[in-house]
Protein backbone atom coordinates (compact mmCIF):
# COMPACT_ATOMS: atom_id res chain seq x y z
CA MET A 1 -8.68 -77.36 -11.99
CA HIS A 2 -6.62 -75.64 -9.27
CA LEU A 3 -8.26 -75.88 -6.01
CA ILE A 4 -7.62 -73.19 -3.26
CA SER A 5 -7.77 -74.58 0.22
CA GLU A 6 -10.19 -73.09 2.76
CA ALA A 7 -7.48 -71.87 4.82
CA GLY A 8 -5.68 -70.26 1.75
CA ALA A 9 -9.01 -68.44 0.91
CA ARG A 10 -9.30 -67.13 4.39
CA ASP A 11 -5.62 -65.77 4.21
CA SER A 12 -6.14 -64.13 0.79
CA HIS A 13 -8.90 -62.01 2.22
CA ARG A 14 -7.59 -61.38 5.68
CA ALA A 15 -8.50 -57.95 7.03
CA PHE A 16 -5.94 -55.37 8.50
CA SER A 17 -5.47 -55.99 12.15
CA LEU A 18 -6.05 -53.00 14.52
CA THR A 19 -2.27 -52.39 14.92
CA GLU A 20 -1.71 -52.24 11.21
CA LEU A 21 -4.67 -49.79 10.85
CA LEU A 22 -3.22 -47.53 13.47
CA VAL A 23 0.15 -47.62 11.79
CA VAL A 24 -1.41 -46.57 8.48
CA ILE A 25 -3.31 -43.79 10.09
CA ALA A 26 -0.18 -42.71 11.86
CA VAL A 27 1.78 -42.66 8.37
CA ILE A 28 -1.12 -40.63 6.83
CA ALA A 29 -0.79 -38.10 9.80
CA ILE A 30 2.70 -37.49 9.33
CA LEU A 31 2.60 -37.16 5.66
CA ALA A 32 -0.29 -34.59 6.14
CA ALA A 33 1.79 -32.63 8.65
CA LEU A 34 4.75 -32.60 6.32
CA LEU A 35 2.60 -31.64 3.18
CA LEU A 36 0.16 -29.15 4.68
CA PRO A 37 2.67 -26.43 5.32
CA ALA A 38 4.10 -26.75 1.94
CA LEU A 39 0.74 -26.60 0.33
CA GLY A 40 -0.14 -23.43 2.40
CA LYS A 41 3.14 -21.78 1.33
CA SER A 42 2.27 -22.69 -2.34
CA LYS A 43 -1.20 -21.12 -1.98
CA SER A 44 0.26 -17.98 -0.49
CA ARG A 45 2.93 -17.81 -3.33
CA ALA A 46 0.04 -18.12 -5.79
CA GLU A 47 -1.99 -15.30 -4.14
CA GLY A 48 1.21 -13.22 -4.04
CA VAL A 49 1.63 -13.60 -7.88
CA ALA A 50 -2.08 -12.88 -8.36
CA CYS A 51 -1.80 -9.67 -6.31
CA ALA A 52 1.18 -8.59 -8.15
CA ASN A 53 -0.55 -9.17 -11.45
CA ASN A 54 -3.51 -7.05 -10.31
CA LEU A 55 -0.96 -4.32 -9.33
CA ARG A 56 0.49 -4.32 -12.82
CA GLN A 57 -3.02 -3.95 -14.39
CA LEU A 58 -3.70 -0.95 -12.15
CA SER A 59 -0.40 0.53 -13.07
CA LEU A 60 -1.09 0.26 -16.76
CA ALA A 61 -4.46 2.00 -16.16
CA TRP A 62 -2.66 4.66 -14.27
CA GLN A 63 -0.07 5.27 -16.89
CA TRP A 64 -2.69 5.20 -19.76
CA TYR A 65 -4.78 7.84 -17.79
CA ALA A 66 -1.67 10.11 -17.83
CA ASP A 67 -0.92 9.57 -21.41
CA ASP A 68 -4.42 10.46 -22.22
CA ASN A 69 -4.58 13.57 -20.07
CA ASP A 70 -1.41 15.68 -20.86
CA SER A 71 0.63 13.87 -18.30
CA LEU A 72 -1.86 14.67 -15.34
CA LEU A 73 -1.83 11.96 -12.80
CA VAL A 74 -5.22 10.77 -11.73
CA ASN A 75 -7.11 12.20 -8.74
CA ASN A 76 -6.22 10.78 -5.51
CA HIS A 77 -8.77 12.07 -3.03
CA GLY A 78 -9.35 11.39 0.79
CA THR A 79 -12.57 10.27 2.37
CA PRO A 80 -14.66 13.53 2.40
CA GLU A 81 -13.88 14.40 -1.21
CA THR A 82 -14.32 10.82 -2.34
CA LEU A 83 -17.95 10.64 -0.86
CA ALA A 84 -18.91 14.08 -2.10
CA ARG A 85 -17.68 14.04 -5.68
CA ARG A 86 -16.83 10.50 -6.79
CA GLN A 87 -14.03 11.90 -8.91
CA THR A 88 -10.95 9.90 -7.81
CA TRP A 89 -9.17 6.73 -8.87
CA ALA A 90 -11.33 4.28 -6.92
CA ASN A 91 -14.31 6.17 -5.77
CA ASN A 92 -15.18 4.09 -2.68
CA VAL A 93 -14.65 4.32 0.96
CA LEU A 94 -14.75 1.10 2.97
CA ASP A 95 -15.70 0.33 6.58
CA TRP A 96 -16.39 -2.84 8.73
CA VAL A 97 -20.06 -2.21 8.95
CA ASP A 98 -22.61 -2.30 6.03
CA GLY A 99 -21.60 0.69 3.87
CA ASP A 100 -22.76 0.60 0.26
CA ASP A 101 -19.06 1.32 -0.82
CA ASN A 102 -17.92 -2.06 0.56
CA THR A 103 -19.70 -4.04 -2.11
CA ASN A 104 -20.84 -1.63 -4.89
CA LEU A 105 -19.04 -2.49 -8.15
CA LEU A 106 -20.02 0.71 -9.84
CA HIS A 107 -17.67 2.84 -7.67
CA LEU A 108 -14.78 1.06 -9.31
CA THR A 109 -16.27 0.58 -12.78
CA ASP A 110 -17.15 4.22 -12.91
CA SER A 111 -14.02 5.52 -11.19
CA LYS A 112 -11.47 7.79 -12.96
CA LEU A 113 -9.36 4.63 -13.76
CA GLY A 114 -12.33 2.35 -14.66
CA PRO A 115 -12.30 2.98 -18.38
CA TYR A 116 -8.52 2.43 -18.55
CA ALA A 117 -8.71 -0.66 -16.54
CA ASN A 118 -11.43 -2.07 -19.00
CA ARG A 119 -13.93 -1.71 -15.97
CA ALA A 120 -12.32 -4.53 -14.23
CA THR A 121 -13.12 -4.81 -10.59
CA GLN A 122 -10.93 -7.62 -9.24
CA ILE A 123 -7.79 -5.80 -9.87
CA TYR A 124 -8.22 -3.47 -6.84
CA LYS A 125 -7.98 -6.44 -4.32
CA CYS A 126 -5.32 -8.73 -3.08
CA PRO A 127 -6.84 -12.18 -2.89
CA SER A 128 -4.97 -12.77 0.49
CA ASP A 129 -7.58 -10.35 2.09
CA ARG A 130 -10.58 -12.38 3.18
CA GLU A 131 -11.76 -10.31 6.16
CA PRO A 132 -15.40 -9.39 5.44
CA ALA A 133 -17.59 -6.37 6.45
CA LEU A 134 -20.96 -6.99 7.90
CA ASN A 135 -22.44 -6.83 4.34
CA GLY A 136 -19.78 -9.11 2.72
CA GLN A 137 -16.39 -9.19 1.29
CA ARG A 138 -14.98 -5.57 0.57
CA LEU A 139 -14.00 -4.88 -3.00
CA ARG A 140 -10.57 -3.26 -2.55
CA THR A 141 -7.21 -3.66 -0.67
CA MET A 142 -5.00 -1.46 -2.97
CA SER A 143 -4.28 2.13 -1.95
CA MET A 144 -2.32 4.93 -3.73
CA ASN A 145 0.59 6.86 -2.43
CA ALA A 146 -0.78 10.16 -1.03
CA GLN A 147 2.01 12.18 -2.62
CA VAL A 148 1.18 10.97 -6.20
CA GLY A 149 -1.81 12.57 -8.08
CA ASN A 150 -4.16 15.35 -7.29
CA PRO A 151 -5.32 15.20 -3.61
CA GLY A 152 -7.81 17.95 -4.05
CA GLU A 153 -8.67 19.54 -0.83
CA LEU A 154 -6.08 17.43 1.05
CA THR A 155 -3.29 19.30 -0.87
CA ASN A 156 -0.27 20.06 1.57
CA ARG A 157 -2.29 18.93 4.53
CA PHE A 158 -0.12 16.24 5.67
CA ASN A 159 3.30 16.50 4.25
CA PRO A 160 3.80 20.13 2.80
CA GLY A 161 7.47 19.83 2.99
CA TYR A 162 7.60 17.00 0.33
CA VAL A 163 6.87 17.10 -3.35
CA GLN A 164 3.40 16.36 -4.46
CA PHE A 165 3.54 14.79 -7.84
CA PHE A 166 0.78 16.16 -10.14
CA LYS A 167 2.31 15.28 -13.36
CA ALA A 168 4.13 12.13 -14.58
CA ALA A 169 7.04 14.20 -15.73
CA GLU A 170 7.40 15.64 -12.11
CA VAL A 171 8.40 12.09 -10.79
CA LEU A 172 12.21 12.47 -11.52
CA HIS A 173 13.17 8.90 -10.39
CA PRO A 174 10.17 6.67 -11.23
CA SER A 175 11.69 3.51 -10.24
CA GLY A 176 12.06 4.87 -6.77
CA ILE A 177 8.62 6.26 -6.13
CA PHE A 178 5.68 3.78 -5.33
CA VAL A 179 2.14 4.39 -6.61
CA PHE A 180 0.00 1.40 -5.31
CA LEU A 181 0.44 -0.99 -2.56
CA ASP A 182 -1.76 -3.37 -0.75
CA GLU A 183 -2.80 -1.61 2.63
CA HIS A 184 -3.62 -3.43 5.81
CA CYS A 185 -7.22 -3.94 5.70
CA ASP A 186 -7.78 -2.45 9.16
CA THR A 187 -6.50 1.01 8.31
CA LEU A 188 -8.09 0.86 4.77
CA ASN A 189 -10.89 3.28 4.11
CA ASP A 190 -10.36 5.76 1.09
CA GLY A 191 -7.63 5.15 -1.37
CA PHE A 192 -5.36 7.77 0.06
CA PHE A 193 -2.28 6.16 1.79
CA VAL A 194 -0.75 8.55 4.01
CA ASN A 195 1.58 8.92 6.91
CA ARG A 196 3.31 12.15 8.25
CA LEU A 197 6.66 11.47 7.03
CA ASP A 198 8.69 13.39 9.31
CA ASP A 199 6.70 12.03 12.48
CA TYR A 200 7.81 8.39 12.11
CA GLU A 201 4.27 7.11 13.00
CA TRP A 202 2.02 4.80 11.13
CA GLY A 203 -1.32 6.29 10.30
CA ASN A 204 -1.90 3.86 7.41
CA LEU A 205 -0.29 0.57 7.63
CA PRO A 206 1.05 -1.31 4.65
CA GLY A 207 -0.12 -4.90 4.18
CA SER A 208 1.85 -7.94 4.97
CA TYR A 209 -0.17 -10.59 3.32
CA HIS A 210 2.53 -12.34 1.52
CA ASN A 211 4.48 -14.10 4.31
CA GLY A 212 5.20 -10.78 5.89
CA ALA A 213 5.74 -8.99 2.81
CA ALA A 214 3.71 -6.33 0.75
CA ASN A 215 3.39 -5.87 -2.96
CA LEU A 216 4.07 -2.43 -4.34
CA SER A 217 3.98 -0.77 -7.85
CA PHE A 218 6.29 2.07 -8.94
CA ALA A 219 5.86 4.98 -11.24
CA ASP A 220 8.05 3.37 -13.90
CA GLY A 221 5.41 0.46 -13.90
CA HIS A 222 7.52 -2.22 -12.21
CA VAL A 223 6.09 -4.27 -9.34
CA GLU A 224 8.10 -5.62 -6.33
CA SER A 225 7.42 -7.32 -3.14
CA HIS A 226 9.02 -6.10 0.01
CA ARG A 227 9.38 -8.09 3.32
CA TRP A 228 8.96 -6.06 6.47
CA LEU A 229 11.84 -6.39 9.18
CA VAL A 230 9.87 -5.22 12.17
CA PRO A 231 7.39 -7.58 13.64
CA GLN A 232 5.23 -4.81 14.70
CA THR A 233 4.57 -3.97 11.03
CA VAL A 234 3.39 -7.53 10.33
CA GLN A 235 -0.17 -7.63 11.52
CA PRO A 236 -2.87 -10.33 10.87
CA ALA A 237 -5.26 -9.55 8.19
CA ARG A 238 -8.20 -8.95 10.53
CA LYS A 239 -10.38 -6.10 11.56
CA HIS A 240 -9.67 -4.27 14.94
CA VAL A 241 -6.03 -5.30 15.28
CA VAL A 242 -4.73 -1.86 14.24
CA ARG A 243 -5.99 1.02 16.26
CA GLY A 244 -4.83 4.64 16.05
CA SER A 245 -1.46 5.78 15.04
CA ARG A 246 1.38 3.42 15.75
CA ILE A 247 4.97 4.37 16.51
CA PRO A 248 7.29 2.12 14.74
CA ALA A 249 9.39 0.04 17.06
CA ASN A 250 12.53 0.66 14.81
CA PRO A 251 11.68 3.60 12.50
CA ALA A 252 15.03 3.29 10.62
CA THR A 253 13.77 0.11 8.94
CA ASP A 254 10.31 -0.28 7.58
CA PHE A 255 9.04 3.26 7.98
CA GLU A 256 12.12 4.88 6.50
CA TRP A 257 12.19 2.19 3.72
CA LEU A 258 8.66 3.40 2.59
CA LYS A 259 9.19 7.02 3.27
CA ALA A 260 12.27 7.00 1.02
CA ARG A 261 9.90 5.71 -1.79
CA THR A 262 7.02 8.04 -1.04
CA SER A 263 8.50 11.30 -1.98
CA PHE A 264 11.46 13.74 -1.43
CA LYS A 265 12.01 17.06 0.33
CA GLN A 266 10.82 20.20 -1.41
CA PRO A 267 13.87 21.90 -3.08
């Protein structure tokens, strides 16, 4: 029988010294510091992909609606008409308090696009927006280009010198006109994304949830991500960080890029 000495037994079960434990903890901390940013970026990329997929599904519903309605584009109403009629593409108007529209799924399932989207509700929201209203998580972050679709009582209110697209065939360059985008949560209310194009002033601010970029869908169905260049455009996804109209610090960049993809001058 092989006998182990008492000293050998003690050595084989020797505990870590305090110094060794501190070294292990330091190594773990260094590894965590190196890995956490990479994990955060990976999560952000995954959310960006999910957001883009949501936009693709919305775009398909938008196209199917037009195909089923003699090329007429779905209604795109502002706040008063949305609340009064509930006959627009999303049917809800969001706030930061406890409005029923924040959480009522029926406003999406029964919207004009609802039947064409298989009455899905998650496709109206970017997963990177986690800022809740008082009554819970809001159901939508997507908005529609105000120059696309029938704006009802808001027709010619904001940009009368630019083409309003009522029919799909009127969008002569469908790859260059955006339809949906993820809007910054603090300017989001109705689904009507509007800026006065010749004033170079943000009324509605695009989102920047994806490492300073927003996802947009276009009239031809493609989806792309665009990274904003002006730091002022990139605002944290929180309430009360965007108040009133905002003059772009450099209008020839971000504002002009989106303006060029919103509409074009009336002939």
